[in-house]
PDB file of all heavy atoms in Angstrom:
ATOM      1  N   PRO A   1     250.166 103.732 -80.087  1.00  0.00           N
ATOM      2  CA  PRO A   1     251.310 104.660 -80.153  1.00  0.00           C
ATOM      3  C   PRO A   1     250.825 106.082 -80.443  1.00  0.00           C
ATOM      4  O   PRO A   1     249.953 106.279 -81.301  1.00  0.00           O
ATOM      5  CB  PRO A   1     252.148 104.099 -81.310  1.00  0.00           C
ATOM      6  CG  PRO A   1     251.809 102.638 -81.332  1.00  0.00           C
ATOM      7  CD  PRO A   1     250.350 102.561 -80.967  1.00  0.00           C
ATOM      8  N   GLN A   2     251.408 107.070 -79.737  1.00  0.00           N
ATOM      9  CA  GLN A   2     250.881 108.422 -79.880  1.00  0.00           C
ATOM     10  C   GLN A   2     251.925 109.481 -79.575  1.00  0.00           C
ATOM     11  O   GLN A   2     252.880 109.253 -78.818  1.00  0.00           O
ATOM     12  CB  GLN A   2     249.685 108.629 -78.941  1.00  0.00           C
ATOM     13  CG  GLN A   2     250.036 108.620 -77.466  1.00  0.00           C
ATOM     14  CD  GLN A   2     248.828 108.749 -76.548  1.00  0.00           C
ATOM     15  OE1 GLN A   2     248.655 107.943 -75.653  1.00  0.00           O
ATOM     16  NE2 GLN A   2     247.997 109.767 -76.753  1.00  0.00           N
ATOM     17  N   VAL A   3     251.707 110.636 -80.179  1.00  0.00           N
ATOM     18  CA  VAL A   3     252.443 111.849 -79.826  1.00  0.00           C
ATOM     19  C   VAL A   3     251.428 112.847 -79.308  1.00  0.00           C
ATOM     20  O   VAL A   3     250.435 113.144 -79.986  1.00  0.00           O
ATOM     21  CB  VAL A   3     253.205 112.435 -81.028  1.00  0.00           C
ATOM     22  CG1 VAL A   3     253.856 113.765 -80.644  1.00  0.00           C
ATOM     23  CG2 VAL A   3     254.271 111.458 -81.520  1.00  0.00           C
ATOM     24  N   ALA A   4     251.665 113.350 -78.108  1.00  0.00           N
ATOM     25  CA  ALA A   4     250.758 114.304 -77.473  1.00  0.00           C
ATOM     26  C   ALA A   4     251.442 115.660 -77.381  1.00  0.00           C
ATOM     27  O   ALA A   4     252.550 115.769 -76.843  1.00  0.00           O
ATOM     28  CB  ALA A   4     250.368 113.816 -76.085  1.00  0.00           C
ATOM     29  N   ILE A   5     250.780 116.683 -77.917  1.00  0.00           N
ATOM     30  CA  ILE A   5     251.339 118.032 -77.974  1.00  0.00           C
ATOM     31  C   ILE A   5     250.685 118.886 -76.892  1.00  0.00           C
ATOM     32  O   ILE A   5     249.467 119.061 -76.870  1.00  0.00           O
ATOM     33  CB  ILE A   5     251.115 118.654 -79.367  1.00  0.00           C
ATOM     34  CG1 ILE A   5     251.795 117.784 -80.432  1.00  0.00           C
ATOM     35  CG2 ILE A   5     251.644 120.079 -79.421  1.00  0.00           C
ATOM     36  CD1 ILE A   5     251.390 118.129 -81.853  1.00  0.00           C
ATOM     37  N   PHE A   6     251.517 119.426 -75.996  1.00  0.00           N
ATOM     38  CA  PHE A   6     251.027 120.236 -74.886  1.00  0.00           C
ATOM     39  C   PHE A   6     251.425 121.696 -75.076  1.00  0.00           C
ATOM     40  O   PHE A   6     252.538 121.996 -75.526  1.00  0.00           O
ATOM     41  CB  PHE A   6     251.607 119.741 -73.559  1.00  0.00           C
ATOM     42  CG  PHE A   6     250.876 118.569 -72.954  1.00  0.00           C
ATOM     43  CD1 PHE A   6     250.980 117.318 -73.522  1.00  0.00           C
ATOM     44  CD2 PHE A   6     250.091 118.731 -71.818  1.00  0.00           C
ATOM     45  CE1 PHE A   6     250.312 116.227 -72.976  1.00  0.00           C
ATOM     46  CE2 PHE A   6     249.417 117.654 -71.265  1.00  0.00           C
ATOM     47  CZ  PHE A   6     249.524 116.400 -71.845  1.00  0.00           C
ATOM     48  N   GLY A   7     250.505 122.584 -74.709  1.00  0.00           N
ATOM     49  CA  GLY A   7     250.769 124.015 -74.747  1.00  0.00           C
ATOM     50  C   GLY A   7     250.628 124.633 -73.378  1.00  0.00           C
ATOM     51  O   GLY A   7     251.549 124.647 -72.577  1.00  0.00           O
ATOM     52  N   SER A   8     249.410 125.130 -73.076  1.00  0.00           N
ATOM     53  CA  SER A   8     249.187 125.859 -71.819  1.00  0.00           C
ATOM     54  C   SER A   8     249.000 124.946 -70.615  1.00  0.00           C
ATOM     55  O   SER A   8     249.008 125.402 -69.479  1.00  0.00           O
ATOM     56  CB  SER A   8     247.950 126.743 -71.948  1.00  0.00           C
ATOM     57  OG  SER A   8     246.782 125.937 -72.098  1.00  0.00           O
ATOM     58  N   SER A   9     248.799 123.658 -70.850  1.00  0.00           N
ATOM     59  CA  SER A   9     248.526 122.740 -69.742  1.00  0.00           C
ATOM     60  C   SER A   9     249.800 122.029 -69.297  1.00  0.00           C
ATOM     61  O   SER A   9     250.866 122.171 -69.900  1.00  0.00           O
ATOM     62  CB  SER A   9     247.437 121.734 -70.139  1.00  0.00           C
ATOM     63  OG  SER A   9     247.757 121.097 -71.356  1.00  0.00           O
ATOM     64  N   ASP A  10     249.676 121.244 -68.239  1.00  0.00           N
ATOM     65  CA  ASP A  10     250.830 120.663 -67.561  1.00  0.00           C
ATOM     66  C   ASP A  10     250.863 119.147 -67.771  1.00  0.00           C
ATOM     67  O   ASP A  10     250.004 118.431 -67.252  1.00  0.00           O
ATOM     68  CB  ASP A  10     250.732 120.985 -66.061  1.00  0.00           C
ATOM     69  CG  ASP A  10     251.941 120.521 -65.275  1.00  0.00           C
ATOM     70  OD1 ASP A  10     252.835 119.880 -65.866  1.00  0.00           O
ATOM     71  OD2 ASP A  10     251.997 120.805 -64.061  1.00  0.00           O
ATOM     72  N   PRO A  11     251.850 118.629 -68.510  1.00  0.00           N
ATOM     73  CA  PRO A  11     251.905 117.182 -68.725  1.00  0.00           C
ATOM     74  C   PRO A  11     252.223 116.380 -67.470  1.00  0.00           C
ATOM     75  O   PRO A  11     252.062 115.160 -67.463  1.00  0.00           O
ATOM     76  CB  PRO A  11     253.010 117.026 -69.782  1.00  0.00           C
ATOM     77  CG  PRO A  11     253.827 118.257 -69.679  1.00  0.00           C
ATOM     78  CD  PRO A  11     252.897 119.350 -69.246  1.00  0.00           C
ATOM     79  N   ALA A  12     252.646 117.056 -66.391  1.00  0.00           N
ATOM     80  CA  ALA A  12     252.836 116.338 -65.128  1.00  0.00           C
ATOM     81  C   ALA A  12     251.493 116.055 -64.454  1.00  0.00           C
ATOM     82  O   ALA A  12     251.361 115.107 -63.685  1.00  0.00           O
ATOM     83  CB  ALA A  12     253.734 117.146 -64.189  1.00  0.00           C
ATOM     84  N   HIS A  13     250.496 116.872 -64.754  1.00  0.00           N
ATOM     85  CA  HIS A  13     249.178 116.747 -64.119  1.00  0.00           C
ATOM     86  C   HIS A  13     248.249 115.844 -64.918  1.00  0.00           C
ATOM     87  O   HIS A  13     247.500 115.039 -64.351  1.00  0.00           O
ATOM     88  CB  HIS A  13     248.551 118.132 -63.956  1.00  0.00           C
ATOM     89  CG  HIS A  13     247.220 118.147 -63.282  1.00  0.00           C
ATOM     90  ND1 HIS A  13     246.997 117.581 -62.044  1.00  0.00           N
ATOM     91  CD2 HIS A  13     246.031 118.660 -63.677  1.00  0.00           C
ATOM     92  CE1 HIS A  13     245.731 117.740 -61.704  1.00  0.00           C
ATOM     93  NE2 HIS A  13     245.121 118.380 -62.679  1.00  0.00           N
ATOM     94  N   THR A  14     248.263 115.978 -66.244  1.00  0.00           N
ATOM     95  CA  THR A  14     247.356 115.187 -67.088  1.00  0.00           C
ATOM     96  C   THR A  14     248.119 114.534 -68.246  1.00  0.00           C
ATOM     97  O   THR A  14     247.809 114.773 -69.423  1.00  0.00           O
ATOM     98  CB  THR A  14     246.223 116.067 -67.656  1.00  0.00           C
ATOM     99  OG1 THR A  14     246.810 117.185 -68.364  1.00  0.00           O
ATOM    100  CG2 THR A  14     245.315 116.580 -66.563  1.00  0.00           C
ATOM    101  N   PRO A  15     249.117 113.706 -67.953  1.00  0.00           N
ATOM    102  CA  PRO A  15     249.870 113.093 -69.043  1.00  0.00           C
ATOM    103  C   PRO A  15     249.105 111.945 -69.692  1.00  0.00           C
ATOM    104  O   PRO A  15     248.193 111.382 -69.079  1.00  0.00           O
ATOM    105  CB  PRO A  15     251.111 112.551 -68.318  1.00  0.00           C
ATOM    106  CG  PRO A  15     250.588 112.179 -66.958  1.00  0.00           C
ATOM    107  CD  PRO A  15     249.571 113.235 -66.631  1.00  0.00           C
ATOM    108  N   PRO A  16     249.477 111.586 -70.922  1.00  0.00           N
ATOM    109  CA  PRO A  16     248.950 110.346 -71.499  1.00  0.00           C
ATOM    110  C   PRO A  16     249.665 109.176 -70.819  1.00  0.00           C
ATOM    111  O   PRO A  16     250.884 109.035 -70.944  1.00  0.00           O
ATOM    112  CB  PRO A  16     249.320 110.459 -72.983  1.00  0.00           C
ATOM    113  CG  PRO A  16     250.523 111.347 -73.010  1.00  0.00           C
ATOM    114  CD  PRO A  16     250.382 112.290 -71.847  1.00  0.00           C
ATOM    115  N   LEU A  17     248.937 108.359 -70.092  1.00  0.00           N
ATOM    116  CA  LEU A  17     249.551 107.322 -69.265  1.00  0.00           C
ATOM    117  C   LEU A  17     249.717 106.034 -70.063  1.00  0.00           C
ATOM    118  O   LEU A  17     248.901 105.115 -69.996  1.00  0.00           O
ATOM    119  CB  LEU A  17     248.712 107.109 -68.005  1.00  0.00           C
ATOM    120  CG  LEU A  17     248.705 108.313 -67.061  1.00  0.00           C
ATOM    121  CD1 LEU A  17     247.611 108.191 -66.014  1.00  0.00           C
ATOM    122  CD2 LEU A  17     250.058 108.495 -66.401  1.00  0.00           C
ATOM    123  N   SER A  18     250.776 105.996 -70.833  1.00  0.00           N
ATOM    124  CA  SER A  18     251.047 104.852 -71.688  1.00  0.00           C
ATOM    125  C   SER A  18     252.535 104.813 -72.007  1.00  0.00           C
ATOM    126  O   SER A  18     253.157 105.867 -72.225  1.00  0.00           O
ATOM    127  CB  SER A  18     250.242 104.954 -72.994  1.00  0.00           C
ATOM    128  OG  SER A  18     250.706 104.036 -73.951  1.00  0.00           O
ATOM    129  N   ASP A  19     253.104 103.613 -72.038  1.00  0.00           N
ATOM    130  CA  ASP A  19     254.509 103.490 -72.423  1.00  0.00           C
ATOM    131  C   ASP A  19     254.701 103.621 -73.925  1.00  0.00           C
ATOM    132  O   ASP A  19     255.832 103.602 -74.419  1.00  0.00           O
ATOM    133  CB  ASP A  19     255.109 102.172 -71.914  1.00  0.00           C
ATOM    134  CG  ASP A  19     254.352 100.938 -72.403  1.00  0.00           C
ATOM    135  OD1 ASP A  19     253.417 101.086 -73.224  1.00  0.00           O
ATOM    136  OD2 ASP A  19     254.688  99.830 -71.966  1.00  0.00           O
ATOM    137  N   LYS A  20     253.596 103.795 -74.650  1.00  0.00           N
ATOM    138  CA  LYS A  20     253.671 104.011 -76.093  1.00  0.00           C
ATOM    139  C   LYS A  20     253.393 105.468 -76.465  1.00  0.00           C
ATOM    140  O   LYS A  20     253.131 105.778 -77.630  1.00  0.00           O
ATOM    141  CB  LYS A  20     252.694 103.086 -76.821  1.00  0.00           C
ATOM    142  CG  LYS A  20     253.068 101.611 -76.695  1.00  0.00           C
ATOM    143  CD  LYS A  20     252.190 100.734 -77.570  1.00  0.00           C
ATOM    144  CE  LYS A  20     252.651  99.276 -77.496  1.00  0.00           C
ATOM    145  NZ  LYS A  20     251.853  98.404 -78.387  1.00  0.00           N
ATOM    146  N   ALA A  21     253.439 106.338 -75.461  1.00  0.00           N
ATOM    147  CA  ALA A  21     253.165 107.761 -75.697  1.00  0.00           C
ATOM    148  C   ALA A  21     254.437 108.591 -75.545  1.00  0.00           C
ATOM    149  O   ALA A  21     255.270 108.322 -74.681  1.00  0.00           O
ATOM    150  CB  ALA A  21     252.115 108.259 -74.704  1.00  0.00           C
ATOM    151  N   LYS A  22     254.550 109.584 -76.402  1.00  0.00           N
ATOM    152  CA  LYS A  22     255.614 110.583 -76.289  1.00  0.00           C
ATOM    153  C   LYS A  22     254.953 111.958 -76.199  1.00  0.00           C
ATOM    154  O   LYS A  22     254.020 112.260 -76.950  1.00  0.00           O
ATOM    155  CB  LYS A  22     256.547 110.535 -77.503  1.00  0.00           C
ATOM    156  CG  LYS A  22     257.367 109.241 -77.637  1.00  0.00           C
ATOM    157  CD  LYS A  22     258.568 109.240 -76.715  1.00  0.00           C
ATOM    158  CE  LYS A  22     259.412 107.972 -76.901  1.00  0.00           C
ATOM    159  NZ  LYS A  22     260.299 108.052 -78.086  1.00  0.00           N
ATOM    160  N   VAL A  23     255.432 112.765 -75.256  1.00  0.00           N
ATOM    161  CA  VAL A  23     254.898 114.115 -75.050  1.00  0.00           C
ATOM    162  C   VAL A  23     255.874 115.132 -75.611  1.00  0.00           C
ATOM    163  O   VAL A  23     257.093 115.023 -75.412  1.00  0.00           O
ATOM    164  CB  VAL A  23     254.672 114.383 -73.546  1.00  0.00           C
ATOM    165  CG1 VAL A  23     254.380 115.857 -73.292  1.00  0.00           C
ATOM    166  CG2 VAL A  23     253.527 113.523 -73.022  1.00  0.00           C
ATOM    167  N   ILE A  24     255.348 116.121 -76.319  1.00  0.00           N
ATOM    168  CA  ILE A  24     256.145 117.274 -76.734  1.00  0.00           C
ATOM    169  C   ILE A  24     255.616 118.497 -76.004  1.00  0.00           C
ATOM    170  O   ILE A  24     254.445 118.871 -76.152  1.00  0.00           O
ATOM    171  CB  ILE A  24     256.083 117.497 -78.258  1.00  0.00           C
ATOM    172  CG1 ILE A  24     256.664 116.286 -78.994  1.00  0.00           C
ATOM    173  CG2 ILE A  24     256.845 118.764 -78.643  1.00  0.00           C
ATOM    174  CD1 ILE A  24     256.617 116.413 -80.509  1.00  0.00           C
ATOM    175  N   TRP A  25     256.453 119.084 -75.185  1.00  0.00           N
ATOM    176  CA  TRP A  25     256.112 120.267 -74.390  1.00  0.00           C
ATOM    177  C   TRP A  25     257.363 121.111 -74.271  1.00  0.00           C
ATOM    178  O   TRP A  25     258.421 120.592 -73.874  1.00  0.00           O
ATOM    179  CB  TRP A  25     255.604 119.851 -73.010  1.00  0.00           C
ATOM    180  CG  TRP A  25     255.067 120.964 -72.161  1.00  0.00           C
ATOM    181  CD1 TRP A  25     254.122 121.878 -72.503  1.00  0.00           C
ATOM    182  CD2 TRP A  25     255.431 121.269 -70.800  1.00  0.00           C
ATOM    183  NE1 TRP A  25     253.857 122.730 -71.454  1.00  0.00           N
ATOM    184  CE2 TRP A  25     254.637 122.372 -70.392  1.00  0.00           C
ATOM    185  CE3 TRP A  25     256.325 120.706 -69.899  1.00  0.00           C
ATOM    186  CZ2 TRP A  25     254.744 122.940 -69.125  1.00  0.00           C
ATOM    187  CZ3 TRP A  25     256.418 121.259 -68.629  1.00  0.00           C
ATOM    188  CH2 TRP A  25     255.636 122.369 -68.247  1.00  0.00           C
ATOM    189  N   LEU A  26     257.288 122.378 -74.604  1.00  0.00           N
ATOM    190  CA  LEU A  26     258.476 123.229 -74.626  1.00  0.00           C
ATOM    191  C   LEU A  26     258.883 123.726 -73.246  1.00  0.00           C
ATOM    192  O   LEU A  26     260.011 124.202 -73.070  1.00  0.00           O
ATOM    193  CB  LEU A  26     258.245 124.421 -75.568  1.00  0.00           C
ATOM    194  CG  LEU A  26     258.004 124.049 -77.039  1.00  0.00           C
ATOM    195  CD1 LEU A  26     257.856 125.306 -77.872  1.00  0.00           C
ATOM    196  CD2 LEU A  26     259.125 123.172 -77.580  1.00  0.00           C
ATOM    197  N   ASN A  27     257.986 123.634 -72.264  1.00  0.00           N
ATOM    198  CA  ASN A  27     258.299 124.044 -70.889  1.00  0.00           C
ATOM    199  C   ASN A  27     258.875 125.464 -70.836  1.00  0.00           C
ATOM    200  O   ASN A  27     259.907 125.722 -70.219  1.00  0.00           O
ATOM    201  CB  ASN A  27     259.276 123.039 -70.258  1.00  0.00           C
ATOM    202  CG  ASN A  27     259.363 123.180 -68.749  1.00  0.00           C
ATOM    203  OD1 ASN A  27     258.511 123.815 -68.131  1.00  0.00           O
ATOM    204  ND2 ASN A  27     260.404 122.627 -68.159  1.00  0.00           N
ATOM    205  N   LEU A  28     258.206 126.384 -71.501  1.00  0.00           N
ATOM    206  CA  LEU A  28     258.634 127.781 -71.515  1.00  0.00           C
ATOM    207  C   LEU A  28     258.464 128.402 -70.125  1.00  0.00           C
ATOM    208  O   LEU A  28     257.691 127.897 -69.307  1.00  0.00           O
ATOM    209  CB  LEU A  28     257.808 128.567 -72.531  1.00  0.00           C
ATOM    210  CG  LEU A  28     257.880 128.094 -73.987  1.00  0.00           C
ATOM    211  CD1 LEU A  28     256.982 128.965 -74.861  1.00  0.00           C
ATOM    212  CD2 LEU A  28     259.304 128.107 -74.495  1.00  0.00           C
ATOM    213  N   PRO A  29     259.144 129.508 -69.849  1.00  0.00           N
ATOM    214  CA  PRO A  29     258.990 130.160 -68.536  1.00  0.00           C
ATOM    215  C   PRO A  29     257.550 130.548 -68.213  1.00  0.00           C
ATOM    216  O   PRO A  29     257.166 130.598 -67.045  1.00  0.00           O
ATOM    217  CB  PRO A  29     259.884 131.411 -68.661  1.00  0.00           C
ATOM    218  CG  PRO A  29     260.908 131.040 -69.682  1.00  0.00           C
ATOM    219  CD  PRO A  29     260.199 130.143 -70.661  1.00  0.00           C
ATOM    220  N   CYS A  30     256.732 130.790 -69.244  1.00  0.00           N
ATOM    221  CA  CYS A  30     255.339 131.181 -69.025  1.00  0.00           C
ATOM    222  C   CYS A  30     254.399 129.976 -68.948  1.00  0.00           C
ATOM    223  O   CYS A  30     253.185 130.150 -68.812  1.00  0.00           O
ATOM    224  CB  CYS A  30     254.876 132.120 -70.136  1.00  0.00           C
ATOM    225  SG  CYS A  30     255.111 131.459 -71.801  1.00  0.00           S
ATOM    226  N   SER A  31     254.934 128.769 -69.036  1.00  0.00           N
ATOM    227  CA  SER A  31     254.105 127.560 -69.036  1.00  0.00           C
ATOM    228  C   SER A  31     254.249 126.799 -67.722  1.00  0.00           C
ATOM    229  O   SER A  31     255.319 126.814 -67.108  1.00  0.00           O
ATOM    230  CB  SER A  31     254.532 126.633 -70.180  1.00  0.00           C
ATOM    231  OG  SER A  31     254.371 127.243 -71.435  1.00  0.00           O
ATOM    232  N   PRO A  32     253.221 126.095 -67.285  1.00  0.00           N
ATOM    233  CA  PRO A  32     251.861 126.091 -67.826  1.00  0.00           C
ATOM    234  C   PRO A  32     251.058 127.257 -67.261  1.00  0.00           C
ATOM    235  O   PRO A  32     251.086 127.513 -66.058  1.00  0.00           O
ATOM    236  CB  PRO A  32     251.304 124.758 -67.324  1.00  0.00           C
ATOM    237  CG  PRO A  32     252.016 124.536 -66.009  1.00  0.00           C
ATOM    238  CD  PRO A  32     253.386 125.136 -66.175  1.00  0.00           C
TER     239      PRO A  32
END
């Protein structure tokens, strides 16, 4: 089980591939 925190990178391109993972990404206009 994991929480993955994304900033400048793109969770659509390099996501944690697990049904036990949750991604936090704010998806700001300047991201990624």
